[in-house]
Amino acid sequence: MAKKAAFRMFVVALSNIDISSNEEERHLFYKIFIIRLFTSFNHLSCCFCSSVASTRFLLQDEFNIQTTQCESCIISFMFLLQQLACICSLVACILGNSQLSEAAHVISCMSDMVYWTVCSCMQTQHKVELDKRDGNFVTMSVPPMQYMSRFDQPFPPQVLD
């Protein structure tokens, strides 16, 4: 996804270049573009956790959104699992205990699953809030009732209410 966004940014930037501009301006543009591409890639790949958290804080500040008790509980649980995995891993390393090391690995996997689940929910919330701000928010409705039919019938049977 980051590759597609970077490519789109490159195409848009190229379309804004004046063909008649001199060679020096073109080289400057390419240098700036490469720096921006590198920083956005670095930000997405190395600082993903910080990116999600900072986006959350910025949106909460911009739209005056308060964190609910449920969200606080889920985020605290996520941090607790990460810290527990780290502590178990350190103790296993110091003691050389393989069973504790296995337990630390299991807790770390659980922590990762909780983190990625929470992260996806946060990003969905970010998308909804940004869509509301931009006026692109569309409420979803319940899908229509579906009826089963047999293969030998071209249309499903009529159901009387």
N, C-alpha and C. Protein backbone atom coordinates (compact mmCIF):
# COMPACT_ATOMS: atom_id res chain seq x y z
N MET A 1 0.82 -1.17 0.00
CA MET A 1 0.00 0.00 0.00
C MET A 1 0.87 1.25 0.00
N ALA A 2 1.98 1.20 0.76
CA ALA A 2 2.89 2.35 0.81
C ALA A 2 3.52 2.58 -0.56
N LYS A 3 3.78 1.48 -1.28
CA LYS A 3 4.38 1.61 -2.62
C LYS A 3 3.42 2.32 -3.57
N LYS A 4 2.13 1.95 -3.49
CA LYS A 4 1.14 2.58 -4.36
C LYS A 4 1.01 4.07 -4.05
N ALA A 5 1.00 4.41 -2.75
CA ALA A 5 0.88 5.81 -2.37
C ALA A 5 2.10 6.60 -2.83
N ALA A 6 3.28 6.01 -2.70
CA ALA A 6 4.50 6.69 -3.14
C ALA A 6 4.50 6.87 -4.65
N PHE A 7 4.03 5.86 -5.37
CA PHE A 7 3.99 5.97 -6.82
C PHE A 7 3.00 7.05 -7.25
N ARG A 8 1.80 7.09 -6.58
CA ARG A 8 0.83 8.13 -6.89
C ARG A 8 1.40 9.51 -6.63
N MET A 9 2.12 9.65 -5.50
CA MET A 9 2.73 10.93 -5.16
C MET A 9 3.74 11.33 -6.23
N PHE A 10 4.50 10.36 -6.72
CA PHE A 10 5.50 10.62 -7.74
C PHE A 10 4.84 11.06 -9.05
N VAL A 11 3.76 10.37 -9.44
CA VAL A 11 3.07 10.71 -10.69
C VAL A 11 2.45 12.10 -10.59
N VAL A 12 1.82 12.41 -9.46
CA VAL A 12 1.22 13.73 -9.29
C VAL A 12 2.29 14.80 -9.32
N ALA A 13 3.40 14.54 -8.65
CA ALA A 13 4.48 15.52 -8.63
C ALA A 13 5.07 15.71 -10.02
N LEU A 14 5.21 14.63 -10.78
CA LEU A 14 5.74 14.75 -12.13
C LEU A 14 4.79 15.52 -13.03
N SER A 15 3.51 15.36 -12.82
CA SER A 15 2.55 16.06 -13.67
C SER A 15 2.55 17.57 -13.38
N ASN A 16 3.06 17.95 -12.21
CA ASN A 16 3.11 19.37 -11.87
C ASN A 16 4.40 20.05 -12.33
N ILE A 17 5.34 19.29 -12.87
CA ILE A 17 6.60 19.88 -13.32
C ILE A 17 6.40 20.55 -14.66
N ASP A 18 6.94 21.72 -14.78
CA ASP A 18 6.89 22.44 -16.04
C ASP A 18 7.99 21.86 -16.93
N ILE A 19 7.60 21.37 -18.10
CA ILE A 19 8.56 20.75 -19.02
C ILE A 19 9.66 21.74 -19.41
N SER A 20 9.30 22.99 -19.48
CA SER A 20 10.28 23.98 -19.92
C SER A 20 11.21 24.42 -18.79
N SER A 21 11.02 23.88 -17.57
CA SER A 21 11.89 24.29 -16.47
C SER A 21 13.31 23.80 -16.73
N ASN A 22 14.26 24.48 -16.14
CA ASN A 22 15.65 24.13 -16.43
C ASN A 22 16.07 22.85 -15.70
N GLU A 23 17.21 22.36 -16.05
CA GLU A 23 17.73 21.10 -15.53
C GLU A 23 17.98 21.18 -14.02
N GLU A 24 18.42 22.30 -13.55
CA GLU A 24 18.71 22.47 -12.12
C GLU A 24 17.45 22.31 -11.27
N GLU A 25 16.33 22.87 -11.74
CA GLU A 25 15.08 22.74 -11.01
C GLU A 25 14.61 21.30 -10.98
N ARG A 26 14.80 20.59 -12.09
CA ARG A 26 14.41 19.19 -12.13
C ARG A 26 15.22 18.35 -11.14
N HIS A 27 16.53 18.58 -11.07
CA HIS A 27 17.38 17.84 -10.13
C HIS A 27 16.98 18.15 -8.70
N LEU A 28 16.66 19.39 -8.42
CA LEU A 28 16.22 19.77 -7.08
C LEU A 28 14.91 19.06 -6.73
N PHE A 29 13.99 19.01 -7.69
CA PHE A 29 12.73 18.32 -7.47
C PHE A 29 12.98 16.84 -7.15
N TYR A 30 13.82 16.18 -7.93
CA TYR A 30 14.09 14.76 -7.71
C TYR A 30 14.73 14.53 -6.35
N LYS A 31 15.62 15.40 -5.93
CA LYS A 31 16.25 15.26 -4.61
C LYS A 31 15.21 15.39 -3.51
N ILE A 32 14.35 16.39 -3.62
CA ILE A 32 13.30 16.58 -2.61
C ILE A 32 12.35 15.39 -2.59
N PHE A 33 11.99 14.91 -3.78
CA PHE A 33 11.08 13.77 -3.86
C PHE A 33 11.69 12.54 -3.20
N ILE A 34 12.95 12.27 -3.47
CA ILE A 34 13.62 11.09 -2.89
C ILE A 34 13.69 11.21 -1.37
N ILE A 35 13.96 12.41 -0.87
CA ILE A 35 14.00 12.60 0.58
C ILE A 35 12.62 12.35 1.18
N ARG A 36 11.56 12.89 0.55
CA ARG A 36 10.21 12.66 1.05
C ARG A 36 9.82 11.20 0.99
N LEU A 37 10.17 10.53 -0.08
CA LEU A 37 9.87 9.12 -0.22
C LEU A 37 10.58 8.31 0.86
N PHE A 38 11.85 8.61 1.10
CA PHE A 38 12.61 7.90 2.13
C PHE A 38 12.02 8.13 3.51
N THR A 39 11.67 9.37 3.83
CA THR A 39 11.13 9.65 5.16
C THR A 39 9.76 9.02 5.36
N SER A 40 8.91 9.02 4.32
CA SER A 40 7.60 8.38 4.48
C SER A 40 7.75 6.87 4.61
N PHE A 41 8.64 6.26 3.84
CA PHE A 41 8.89 4.83 3.97
C PHE A 41 9.45 4.51 5.35
N ASN A 42 10.40 5.32 5.80
CA ASN A 42 11.01 5.11 7.11
C ASN A 42 9.96 5.25 8.20
N HIS A 43 9.10 6.24 8.08
CA HIS A 43 8.06 6.46 9.08
C HIS A 43 7.09 5.29 9.13
N LEU A 44 6.69 4.78 7.97
CA LEU A 44 5.74 3.67 7.94
C LEU A 44 6.36 2.36 8.38
N SER A 45 7.61 2.12 8.02
CA SER A 45 8.19 0.82 8.32
C SER A 45 8.83 0.75 9.70
N CYS A 46 9.45 1.83 10.14
CA CYS A 46 10.16 1.80 11.42
C CYS A 46 9.35 2.33 12.59
N CYS A 47 8.46 3.25 12.34
CA CYS A 47 7.75 3.92 13.43
C CYS A 47 6.25 3.74 13.30
N PHE A 48 5.80 2.58 12.92
CA PHE A 48 4.38 2.36 12.70
C PHE A 48 3.58 2.57 13.98
N CYS A 49 4.10 2.07 15.10
CA CYS A 49 3.39 2.22 16.38
C CYS A 49 3.21 3.69 16.71
N SER A 50 4.28 4.45 16.57
CA SER A 50 4.22 5.88 16.86
C SER A 50 3.29 6.59 15.90
N SER A 51 3.27 6.15 14.66
CA SER A 51 2.42 6.76 13.65
C SER A 51 0.94 6.61 14.01
N VAL A 52 0.55 5.42 14.40
CA VAL A 52 -0.85 5.17 14.76
C VAL A 52 -1.23 5.95 16.02
N ALA A 53 -0.35 5.91 17.02
CA ALA A 53 -0.64 6.61 18.27
C ALA A 53 -0.70 8.12 18.07
N SER A 54 0.24 8.67 17.32
CA SER A 54 0.25 10.12 17.12
C SER A 54 -0.96 10.57 16.29
N THR A 55 -1.36 9.76 15.31
CA THR A 55 -2.56 10.08 14.54
C THR A 55 -3.79 10.08 15.45
N ARG A 56 -3.84 9.11 16.35
CA ARG A 56 -4.96 9.04 17.30
C ARG A 56 -5.00 10.29 18.17
N PHE A 57 -3.85 10.69 18.72
CA PHE A 57 -3.81 11.86 19.59
C PHE A 57 -4.17 13.13 18.83
N LEU A 58 -3.68 13.26 17.60
CA LEU A 58 -3.99 14.44 16.81
C LEU A 58 -5.49 14.53 16.48
N LEU A 59 -6.09 13.40 16.10
CA LEU A 59 -7.52 13.41 15.80
C LEU A 59 -8.36 13.69 17.04
N GLN A 60 -7.94 13.12 18.17
CA GLN A 60 -8.68 13.39 19.41
C GLN A 60 -8.59 14.86 19.77
N ASP A 61 -7.43 15.45 19.56
CA ASP A 61 -7.25 16.86 19.86
C ASP A 61 -8.04 17.74 18.89
N GLU A 62 -7.99 17.40 17.60
CA GLU A 62 -8.66 18.22 16.58
C GLU A 62 -10.18 18.18 16.72
N PHE A 63 -10.75 17.00 16.99
CA PHE A 63 -12.19 16.85 17.04
C PHE A 63 -12.75 16.83 18.46
N ASN A 64 -11.87 17.06 19.44
CA ASN A 64 -12.26 17.07 20.85
C ASN A 64 -12.95 15.76 21.24
N ILE A 65 -12.30 14.65 20.94
CA ILE A 65 -12.82 13.31 21.22
C ILE A 65 -12.17 12.80 22.50
N GLN A 66 -12.98 12.29 23.40
CA GLN A 66 -12.49 11.74 24.66
C GLN A 66 -12.33 10.22 24.53
N THR A 67 -11.30 9.69 25.17
CA THR A 67 -11.10 8.25 25.20
C THR A 67 -12.09 7.64 26.18
N THR A 68 -12.80 6.59 25.75
CA THR A 68 -13.76 5.94 26.64
C THR A 68 -13.04 5.01 27.60
N GLN A 69 -13.74 4.59 28.63
CA GLN A 69 -13.15 3.67 29.61
C GLN A 69 -12.84 2.33 28.96
N CYS A 70 -13.66 1.91 28.04
CA CYS A 70 -13.42 0.64 27.34
C CYS A 70 -12.12 0.72 26.52
N GLU A 71 -11.95 1.83 25.79
CA GLU A 71 -10.73 2.00 25.01
C GLU A 71 -9.50 2.03 25.92
N SER A 72 -9.61 2.73 27.05
CA SER A 72 -8.50 2.79 28.00
C SER A 72 -8.16 1.41 28.53
N CYS A 73 -9.17 0.63 28.80
CA CYS A 73 -8.96 -0.73 29.31
C CYS A 73 -8.27 -1.60 28.26
N ILE A 74 -8.73 -1.52 27.03
CA ILE A 74 -8.13 -2.33 25.95
C ILE A 74 -6.68 -1.92 25.70
N ILE A 75 -6.43 -0.62 25.65
CA ILE A 75 -5.06 -0.14 25.41
C ILE A 75 -4.16 -0.50 26.58
N SER A 76 -4.67 -0.40 27.81
CA SER A 76 -3.87 -0.78 28.99
C SER A 76 -3.54 -2.27 28.97
N PHE A 77 -4.51 -3.09 28.57
CA PHE A 77 -4.28 -4.54 28.46
C PHE A 77 -3.21 -4.83 27.42
N MET A 78 -3.26 -4.10 26.31
CA MET A 78 -2.26 -4.28 25.26
C MET A 78 -0.86 -3.96 25.80
N PHE A 79 -0.72 -2.83 26.51
CA PHE A 79 0.57 -2.45 27.08
C PHE A 79 1.03 -3.44 28.15
N LEU A 80 0.08 -3.90 28.96
CA LEU A 80 0.41 -4.87 30.00
C LEU A 80 1.00 -6.14 29.40
N LEU A 81 0.37 -6.64 28.33
CA LEU A 81 0.89 -7.85 27.68
C LEU A 81 2.29 -7.62 27.10
N GLN A 82 2.52 -6.46 26.50
CA GLN A 82 3.84 -6.17 25.93
C GLN A 82 4.89 -6.10 27.03
N GLN A 83 4.56 -5.46 28.15
CA GLN A 83 5.52 -5.37 29.25
C GLN A 83 5.76 -6.72 29.89
N LEU A 84 4.72 -7.52 30.05
CA LEU A 84 4.87 -8.86 30.62
C LEU A 84 5.76 -9.72 29.73
N ALA A 85 5.57 -9.64 28.43
CA ALA A 85 6.41 -10.40 27.50
C ALA A 85 7.86 -9.97 27.60
N CYS A 86 8.09 -8.67 27.71
CA CYS A 86 9.46 -8.15 27.84
C CYS A 86 10.10 -8.62 29.14
N ILE A 87 9.36 -8.54 30.25
CA ILE A 87 9.91 -8.96 31.55
C ILE A 87 10.21 -10.46 31.54
N CYS A 88 9.30 -11.26 31.03
CA CYS A 88 9.53 -12.72 30.95
C CYS A 88 10.74 -13.03 30.09
N SER A 89 10.88 -12.33 29.00
CA SER A 89 12.01 -12.55 28.11
C SER A 89 13.33 -12.20 28.80
N LEU A 90 13.35 -11.09 29.53
CA LEU A 90 14.56 -10.70 30.25
C LEU A 90 14.91 -11.70 31.35
N VAL A 91 13.92 -12.13 32.12
CA VAL A 91 14.16 -13.10 33.19
C VAL A 91 14.63 -14.42 32.60
N ALA A 92 14.03 -14.85 31.48
CA ALA A 92 14.44 -16.10 30.83
C ALA A 92 15.88 -15.99 30.32
N CYS A 93 16.24 -14.82 29.83
CA CYS A 93 17.61 -14.61 29.35
C CYS A 93 18.61 -14.65 30.50
N ILE A 94 18.25 -14.05 31.62
CA ILE A 94 19.15 -14.01 32.77
C ILE A 94 19.29 -15.39 33.40
N LEU A 95 18.18 -16.10 33.57
CA LEU A 95 18.21 -17.41 34.22
C LEU A 95 18.57 -18.54 33.26
N GLY A 96 18.41 -18.32 31.98
CA GLY A 96 18.69 -19.36 31.00
C GLY A 96 17.65 -20.47 31.01
N ASN A 97 16.45 -20.16 31.43
CA ASN A 97 15.37 -21.13 31.53
C ASN A 97 14.64 -21.21 30.20
N SER A 98 14.64 -22.39 29.59
CA SER A 98 14.01 -22.55 28.28
C SER A 98 12.48 -22.52 28.36
N GLN A 99 11.92 -23.03 29.47
CA GLN A 99 10.47 -23.00 29.62
C GLN A 99 9.96 -21.57 29.76
N LEU A 100 10.69 -20.77 30.51
CA LEU A 100 10.31 -19.37 30.66
C LEU A 100 10.48 -18.62 29.35
N SER A 101 11.48 -19.01 28.58
CA SER A 101 11.69 -18.41 27.27
C SER A 101 10.53 -18.74 26.33
N GLU A 102 10.05 -19.98 26.38
CA GLU A 102 8.90 -20.38 25.57
C GLU A 102 7.65 -19.61 26.00
N ALA A 103 7.47 -19.47 27.32
CA ALA A 103 6.32 -18.72 27.83
C ALA A 103 6.40 -17.26 27.38
N ALA A 104 7.60 -16.69 27.40
CA ALA A 104 7.79 -15.31 26.95
C ALA A 104 7.44 -15.18 25.47
N HIS A 105 7.81 -16.19 24.69
CA HIS A 105 7.49 -16.17 23.26
C HIS A 105 5.98 -16.25 23.03
N VAL A 106 5.29 -17.09 23.78
CA VAL A 106 3.84 -17.21 23.66
C VAL A 106 3.16 -15.90 24.05
N ILE A 107 3.61 -15.29 25.16
CA ILE A 107 3.04 -14.01 25.60
C ILE A 107 3.33 -12.93 24.56
N SER A 108 4.51 -12.97 23.97
CA SER A 108 4.85 -12.01 22.93
C SER A 108 3.94 -12.16 21.72
N CYS A 109 3.65 -13.39 21.32
CA CYS A 109 2.73 -13.63 20.20
C CYS A 109 1.33 -13.13 20.53
N MET A 110 0.87 -13.39 21.75
CA MET A 110 -0.44 -12.90 22.17
C MET A 110 -0.46 -11.37 22.16
N SER A 111 0.62 -10.79 22.64
CA SER A 111 0.73 -9.34 22.67
C SER A 111 0.67 -8.76 21.26
N ASP A 112 1.36 -9.40 20.32
CA ASP A 112 1.33 -8.95 18.93
C ASP A 112 -0.08 -9.04 18.34
N MET A 113 -0.77 -10.14 18.63
CA MET A 113 -2.13 -10.30 18.10
C MET A 113 -3.06 -9.22 18.65
N VAL A 114 -2.96 -8.96 19.95
CA VAL A 114 -3.79 -7.91 20.55
C VAL A 114 -3.43 -6.56 19.96
N TYR A 115 -2.12 -6.31 19.81
CA TYR A 115 -1.68 -5.01 19.28
C TYR A 115 -2.21 -4.79 17.86
N TRP A 116 -2.07 -5.77 16.99
CA TRP A 116 -2.50 -5.60 15.60
C TRP A 116 -4.02 -5.48 15.51
N THR A 117 -4.74 -6.15 16.40
CA THR A 117 -6.19 -6.00 16.43
C THR A 117 -6.58 -4.59 16.86
N VAL A 118 -5.95 -4.11 17.93
CA VAL A 118 -6.23 -2.75 18.41
C VAL A 118 -5.83 -1.73 17.35
N CYS A 119 -4.70 -1.97 16.71
CA CYS A 119 -4.21 -1.04 15.67
C CYS A 119 -5.21 -0.94 14.51
N SER A 120 -5.73 -2.06 14.08
CA SER A 120 -6.68 -2.02 12.96
C SER A 120 -7.96 -1.30 13.36
N CYS A 121 -8.40 -1.49 14.60
CA CYS A 121 -9.60 -0.77 15.07
C CYS A 121 -9.33 0.73 15.14
N MET A 122 -8.15 1.10 15.63
CA MET A 122 -7.80 2.53 15.71
C MET A 122 -7.76 3.16 14.32
N GLN A 123 -7.18 2.46 13.37
CA GLN A 123 -7.08 3.01 12.03
C GLN A 123 -8.45 3.11 11.37
N THR A 124 -9.35 2.18 11.69
CA THR A 124 -10.71 2.28 11.19
C THR A 124 -11.40 3.51 11.77
N GLN A 125 -11.18 3.74 13.07
CA GLN A 125 -11.73 4.94 13.70
C GLN A 125 -11.15 6.20 13.06
N HIS A 126 -9.86 6.18 12.77
CA HIS A 126 -9.22 7.33 12.11
C HIS A 126 -9.90 7.61 10.77
N LYS A 127 -10.11 6.55 9.99
CA LYS A 127 -10.73 6.69 8.67
C LYS A 127 -12.13 7.27 8.78
N VAL A 128 -12.90 6.78 9.73
CA VAL A 128 -14.27 7.27 9.91
C VAL A 128 -14.26 8.75 10.29
N GLU A 129 -13.39 9.13 11.22
CA GLU A 129 -13.34 10.54 11.64
C GLU A 129 -12.89 11.45 10.50
N LEU A 130 -11.92 11.00 9.72
CA LEU A 130 -11.46 11.82 8.59
C LEU A 130 -12.52 11.90 7.50
N ASP A 131 -13.27 10.81 7.29
CA ASP A 131 -14.37 10.84 6.32
C ASP A 131 -15.47 11.80 6.78
N LYS A 132 -15.76 11.80 8.09
CA LYS A 132 -16.75 12.74 8.62
C LYS A 132 -16.29 14.18 8.38
N ARG A 133 -15.01 14.43 8.63
CA ARG A 133 -14.48 15.78 8.45
C ARG A 133 -14.57 16.22 7.00
N ASP A 134 -14.26 15.29 6.08
CA ASP A 134 -14.23 15.62 4.66
C ASP A 134 -15.62 15.54 4.00
N GLY A 135 -16.62 15.10 4.74
CA GLY A 135 -17.97 15.00 4.18
C GLY A 135 -18.18 13.76 3.34
N ASN A 136 -17.31 12.77 3.46
CA ASN A 136 -17.42 11.53 2.67
C ASN A 136 -18.01 10.38 3.47
N PHE A 137 -18.51 10.68 4.65
CA PHE A 137 -19.01 9.61 5.52
C PHE A 137 -20.35 9.10 5.03
N VAL A 138 -20.44 7.80 4.81
CA VAL A 138 -21.67 7.17 4.35
C VAL A 138 -22.07 6.14 5.41
N THR A 139 -23.26 6.29 5.93
CA THR A 139 -23.72 5.32 6.93
C THR A 139 -24.11 4.03 6.22
N MET A 140 -23.78 2.95 6.84
CA MET A 140 -24.10 1.65 6.26
C MET A 140 -25.42 1.17 6.81
N SER A 141 -26.17 0.47 5.98
CA SER A 141 -27.46 -0.06 6.42
C SER A 141 -27.39 -1.58 6.46
N VAL A 142 -28.40 -2.15 7.02
CA VAL A 142 -28.48 -3.60 7.12
C VAL A 142 -28.69 -4.17 5.73
N PRO A 143 -27.97 -5.23 5.36
CA PRO A 143 -28.18 -5.82 4.04
C PRO A 143 -29.58 -6.43 3.94
N PRO A 144 -30.11 -6.54 2.73
CA PRO A 144 -31.45 -7.11 2.59
C PRO A 144 -31.45 -8.59 2.95
N MET A 145 -32.62 -9.08 3.34
CA MET A 145 -32.74 -10.48 3.72
C MET A 145 -32.48 -11.36 2.50
N GLN A 146 -31.76 -12.44 2.70
CA GLN A 146 -31.47 -13.35 1.61
C GLN A 146 -32.23 -14.65 1.82
N TYR A 147 -32.64 -15.24 0.72
CA TYR A 147 -33.39 -16.48 0.76
C TYR A 147 -32.59 -17.55 0.02
N MET A 148 -32.69 -18.75 0.52
CA MET A 148 -32.02 -19.86 -0.14
C MET A 148 -32.90 -20.40 -1.25
N SER A 149 -32.28 -20.87 -2.30
CA SER A 149 -33.05 -21.51 -3.37
C SER A 149 -32.31 -22.77 -3.81
N ARG A 150 -33.04 -23.61 -4.49
CA ARG A 150 -32.42 -24.83 -4.98
C ARG A 150 -31.85 -24.58 -6.37
N PHE A 151 -30.97 -25.44 -6.80
CA PHE A 151 -30.34 -25.29 -8.10
C PHE A 151 -31.33 -25.45 -9.25
N ASP A 152 -32.37 -26.27 -9.03
CA ASP A 152 -33.31 -26.52 -10.12
C ASP A 152 -34.38 -25.43 -10.23
N GLN A 153 -34.36 -24.43 -9.33
CA GLN A 153 -35.33 -23.34 -9.40
C GLN A 153 -34.59 -22.06 -9.84
N PRO A 154 -35.12 -21.38 -10.88
CA PRO A 154 -34.44 -20.18 -11.34
C PRO A 154 -34.55 -19.02 -10.36
N PHE A 155 -35.62 -18.98 -9.57
CA PHE A 155 -35.82 -17.89 -8.62
C PHE A 155 -36.13 -18.48 -7.26
N PRO A 156 -35.77 -17.77 -6.20
CA PRO A 156 -36.10 -18.32 -4.86
C PRO A 156 -37.60 -18.30 -4.64
N PRO A 157 -38.07 -19.19 -3.79
CA PRO A 157 -39.51 -19.24 -3.52
C PRO A 157 -39.96 -17.96 -2.81
N GLN A 158 -41.21 -17.59 -3.02
CA GLN A 158 -41.78 -16.41 -2.37
C GLN A 158 -42.08 -16.75 -0.92
N VAL A 159 -41.68 -15.87 -0.04
CA VAL A 159 -41.93 -16.07 1.38
C VAL A 159 -43.01 -15.09 1.80
N LEU A 160 -44.02 -15.64 2.43
CA LEU A 160 -45.12 -14.80 2.89
C LEU A 160 -44.87 -14.40 4.33
N ASP A 161 -45.05 -13.14 4.61
CA ASP A 161 -44.83 -12.66 5.98
C ASP A 161 -46.04 -12.85 6.83
